[in-house]
Amino acid sequence: MSQQVETANIKKKILSTGIRVGTQVKTKFMKPFITKASPEGLYILDLDITLEKIQTAAKFINRLGTDKLIVCSGRQYAETPIEKFCEVLGSKKLLGRFMPGTLTNPSLPYYIEPRLVLVSDPQADEQAVTEATNAGIPVIGIANTDNITSKLDVVIPANNRGRKALATVYWLLVRQILIERGELDNDDDEPMKYEIDDFETKITEEEIQ
């Protein structure tokens, strides 16, 4: 299957997930990734650039090794996507509050030395981004239209607040990493054994009420 057809198929599959729907704010950092504003005043991200950046990030992750990667998020909706990502690829997850000194203080019992850090939101995960930068560790970040991305090495422009959107970004990233490794074929005849739904944080009944 040609690359164009495959990209068109993927785009069709993910368009309804809200992956490209941003916020009502745009920063100068995110301006190049925005195509237009919706009638509701929300900035819309360029899906082609998002998919390109996911390819770039996948190459980067594979080069340094998924086992040398830590994935961080203080956001609840990112927890299941990250758990699934780490389960499939053997990366380390750091969920919830990022403990100060994790990447910079070798005398702490929880100190780690990854070669790469992936964050779901450069603002919510600011501590992780700052420490990685100070330790000289490259950072990949999923960034929304209102994010500041000056400390990120690779920016994946996407909605990083929505449950479905976050699940989609992590699903796409796992899929692309497996394709780059040659473990998955880049066509619909051999789909990945997980669907976007498997990566999605489920809402409990208490949250609905």
Protein backbone atom coordinates (compact mmCIF):
# COMPACT_ATOMS: atom_id res chain seq x y z
CA MET A 1 0.00 0.00 0.00
CA SER A 2 1.36 3.44 -0.89
CA GLN A 3 2.39 5.87 1.83
CA GLN A 4 -0.26 8.38 0.66
CA VAL A 5 -3.10 5.86 0.88
CA GLU A 6 -1.92 4.70 4.29
CA THR A 7 -1.70 8.28 5.59
CA ALA A 8 -5.20 8.99 4.26
CA ASN A 9 -6.54 5.89 6.03
CA ILE A 10 -4.93 6.84 9.33
CA LYS A 11 -6.19 10.42 9.07
CA LYS A 12 -9.74 9.14 8.49
CA LYS A 13 -9.42 6.88 11.53
CA ILE A 14 -8.22 9.62 13.88
CA LEU A 15 -10.07 12.74 12.70
CA SER A 16 -13.02 12.17 15.05
CA THR A 17 -10.79 11.79 18.13
CA GLY A 18 -10.26 15.53 18.63
CA ILE A 19 -6.49 15.12 18.22
CA ARG A 20 -6.20 18.39 16.28
CA VAL A 21 -8.62 20.51 18.32
CA GLY A 22 -6.65 22.99 20.39
CA THR A 23 -7.60 25.71 22.85
CA GLN A 24 -8.73 29.36 22.44
CA VAL A 25 -5.17 30.49 23.06
CA LYS A 26 -2.18 30.26 20.74
CA THR A 27 1.42 30.89 21.71
CA LYS A 28 4.12 32.08 19.32
CA PHE A 29 5.73 28.63 19.69
CA MET A 30 2.66 26.81 18.42
CA LYS A 31 1.71 29.25 15.66
CA PRO A 32 3.51 27.26 12.90
CA PHE A 33 1.39 24.18 13.71
CA ILE A 34 -2.01 25.90 13.57
CA THR A 35 -4.12 25.92 10.39
CA LYS A 36 -7.23 27.90 11.40
CA ALA A 37 -9.69 28.66 14.17
CA SER A 38 -13.01 26.82 14.48
CA PRO A 39 -16.35 28.71 14.62
CA GLU A 40 -16.20 28.26 18.41
CA GLY A 41 -12.86 30.07 18.47
CA LEU A 42 -10.71 27.00 19.08
CA TYR A 43 -7.42 26.83 17.20
CA ILE A 44 -7.06 23.78 14.96
CA LEU A 45 -3.71 22.01 14.57
CA ASP A 46 -2.33 20.75 11.26
CA LEU A 47 -2.81 16.98 11.28
CA ASP A 48 -0.16 16.42 8.58
CA ILE A 49 2.46 18.11 10.77
CA THR A 50 1.30 16.07 13.78
CA LEU A 51 1.80 12.81 11.85
CA GLU A 52 5.19 14.01 10.56
CA LYS A 53 6.31 14.87 14.09
CA ILE A 54 5.15 11.48 15.36
CA GLN A 55 7.43 9.90 12.73
CA THR A 56 10.33 12.10 13.85
CA ALA A 57 9.70 11.23 17.51
CA ALA A 58 9.48 7.49 16.70
CA LYS A 59 12.84 7.57 14.90
CA PHE A 60 14.40 9.46 17.82
CA ILE A 61 12.98 7.02 20.41
CA ASN A 62 14.14 3.98 18.44
CA ARG A 63 17.62 5.43 18.04
CA LEU A 64 18.07 5.94 21.79
CA GLY A 65 16.11 2.82 22.81
CA THR A 66 12.61 2.47 24.27
CA ASP A 67 14.17 0.92 27.40
CA LYS A 68 16.12 4.17 27.95
CA LEU A 69 12.96 6.29 27.73
CA ILE A 70 10.84 7.59 30.60
CA VAL A 71 7.30 8.81 29.96
CA CYS A 72 5.91 11.36 32.42
CA SER A 73 2.55 12.90 33.07
CA GLY A 74 0.80 14.68 35.87
CA ARG A 75 -2.46 14.49 33.92
CA GLN A 76 -4.99 11.83 34.85
CA TYR A 77 -6.19 11.28 31.27
CA ALA A 78 -2.66 10.44 30.17
CA GLU A 79 -2.26 7.58 32.66
CA THR A 80 -3.81 4.70 30.67
CA PRO A 81 -2.22 5.77 27.36
CA ILE A 82 1.20 5.90 29.06
CA GLU A 83 0.72 2.59 30.86
CA LYS A 84 -0.18 0.91 27.56
CA PHE A 85 2.71 2.59 25.73
CA CYS A 86 5.19 1.39 28.37
CA GLU A 87 3.68 -2.10 28.47
CA VAL A 88 4.10 -2.55 24.71
CA LEU A 89 7.53 -0.94 24.41
CA GLY A 90 9.20 -1.66 27.76
CA SER A 91 9.69 2.00 28.71
CA LYS A 92 9.49 3.37 32.25
CA LYS A 93 6.50 5.43 33.38
CA LEU A 94 6.42 8.22 35.96
CA LEU A 95 2.81 9.16 36.66
CA GLY A 96 1.41 11.77 39.02
CA ARG A 97 3.66 14.26 40.77
CA PHE A 98 7.22 14.33 39.43
CA MET A 99 9.53 14.10 42.44
CA PRO A 100 12.14 16.89 42.45
CA GLY A 101 15.65 15.56 41.93
CA THR A 102 14.52 12.46 39.98
CA LEU A 103 16.85 13.32 37.10
CA THR A 104 19.35 15.61 38.83
CA ASN A 105 20.18 14.28 42.29
CA PRO A 106 22.13 10.97 42.28
CA SER A 107 21.93 10.65 46.08
CA LEU A 108 18.15 10.16 45.99
CA PRO A 109 16.82 6.57 46.05
CA TYR A 110 14.49 7.26 43.10
CA TYR A 111 17.16 8.94 40.92
CA ILE A 112 17.22 7.63 37.33
CA GLU A 113 19.34 8.29 34.26
CA PRO A 114 17.21 7.92 31.13
CA ARG A 115 18.51 8.92 27.71
CA LEU A 116 15.21 10.47 26.66
CA VAL A 117 12.09 11.94 28.30
CA LEU A 118 8.57 12.09 26.84
CA VAL A 119 5.99 14.40 28.44
CA SER A 120 2.27 14.79 27.80
CA ASP A 121 2.15 18.51 28.56
CA PRO A 122 5.18 20.82 28.89
CA GLN A 123 3.32 22.97 31.45
CA ALA A 124 1.80 20.23 33.63
CA ASP A 125 5.13 18.33 33.45
CA GLU A 126 7.32 21.40 33.87
CA GLN A 127 9.44 19.86 36.64
CA ALA A 128 10.36 16.89 34.43
CA VAL A 129 11.17 19.17 31.48
CA THR A 130 13.36 21.48 33.59
CA GLU A 131 15.29 18.61 35.18
CA ALA A 132 15.80 16.83 31.86
CA THR A 133 17.08 20.08 30.33
CA ASN A 134 19.46 20.64 33.26
CA ALA A 135 20.71 17.06 32.97
CA GLY A 136 21.21 17.37 29.20
CA ILE A 137 18.51 14.79 28.41
CA PRO A 138 16.48 15.44 25.23
CA VAL A 139 12.73 15.97 25.67
CA ILE A 140 9.85 15.06 23.36
CA GLY A 141 6.61 16.80 24.29
CA ILE A 142 2.98 16.62 23.19
CA ALA A 143 1.98 20.29 22.98
CA ASN A 144 -1.34 22.05 22.62
CA THR A 145 -1.92 25.46 21.00
CA ASP A 146 -1.42 27.27 24.33
CA ASN A 147 1.85 25.54 25.34
CA ILE A 148 5.33 27.03 25.63
CA THR A 149 7.75 24.65 23.93
CA SER A 150 11.11 26.42 24.19
CA LYS A 151 12.69 23.56 26.16
CA LEU A 152 11.42 20.72 23.94
CA ASP A 153 13.67 19.00 21.38
CA VAL A 154 10.75 17.48 19.45
CA VAL A 155 7.25 18.96 19.57
CA ILE A 156 4.25 16.76 18.75
CA PRO A 157 1.42 19.25 18.17
CA ALA A 158 -1.82 17.70 19.43
CA ASN A 159 -4.70 18.09 21.84
CA ASN A 160 -3.10 16.96 25.11
CA ARG A 161 -6.17 17.43 27.33
CA GLY A 162 -8.79 15.14 25.79
CA ARG A 163 -9.04 11.46 26.80
CA LYS A 164 -9.56 10.24 23.25
CA ALA A 165 -6.96 12.60 21.80
CA LEU A 166 -4.25 11.53 24.27
CA ALA A 167 -5.04 7.87 23.64
CA THR A 168 -4.70 8.53 19.90
CA VAL A 169 -1.32 10.26 20.16
CA TYR A 170 0.19 7.44 22.21
CA TRP A 171 -1.40 4.79 19.96
CA LEU A 172 0.04 6.50 16.87
CA LEU A 173 3.45 6.74 18.51
CA VAL A 174 3.55 3.04 19.47
CA ARG A 175 2.37 2.09 15.99
CA GLN A 176 5.04 4.23 14.31
CA ILE A 177 7.81 2.93 16.58
CA LEU A 178 6.85 -0.67 15.69
CA ILE A 179 6.73 0.21 11.98
CA GLU A 180 10.18 1.85 12.17
CA ARG A 181 11.51 -1.29 13.86
CA GLY A 182 10.06 -3.48 11.13
CA GLU A 183 7.81 -5.27 13.65
CA LEU A 184 4.62 -3.97 12.06
CA ASP A 185 3.69 -3.54 8.43
CA ASN A 186 2.66 -0.09 7.29
CA ASP A 187 -0.71 -1.20 5.95
CA ASP A 188 -4.21 -2.18 6.99
CA ASP A 189 -3.71 -5.88 6.22
CA GLU A 190 -1.67 -6.21 9.38
CA PRO A 191 -3.25 -3.92 11.96
CA MET A 192 -1.72 -3.39 15.36
CA LYS A 193 -3.17 -5.74 17.95
CA TYR A 194 -4.29 -2.78 20.09
CA GLU A 195 -6.89 -0.22 19.11
CA ILE A 196 -7.10 3.42 20.21
CA ASP A 197 -9.77 2.36 22.72
CA ASP A 198 -7.24 0.16 24.52
CA PHE A 199 -5.14 3.27 25.19
CA GLU A 200 -8.00 5.38 26.51
CA THR A 201 -8.47 6.27 30.17
CA LYS A 202 -11.99 5.18 31.11
CA ILE A 203 -14.25 7.47 33.12
CA THR A 204 -15.61 6.02 36.35
CA GLU A 205 -19.30 6.32 37.19
CA GLU A 206 -18.55 8.78 40.00
CA GLU A 207 -16.96 11.16 37.49
CA ILE A 208 -20.04 11.08 35.27
CA GLN A 209 -22.41 12.06 38.08
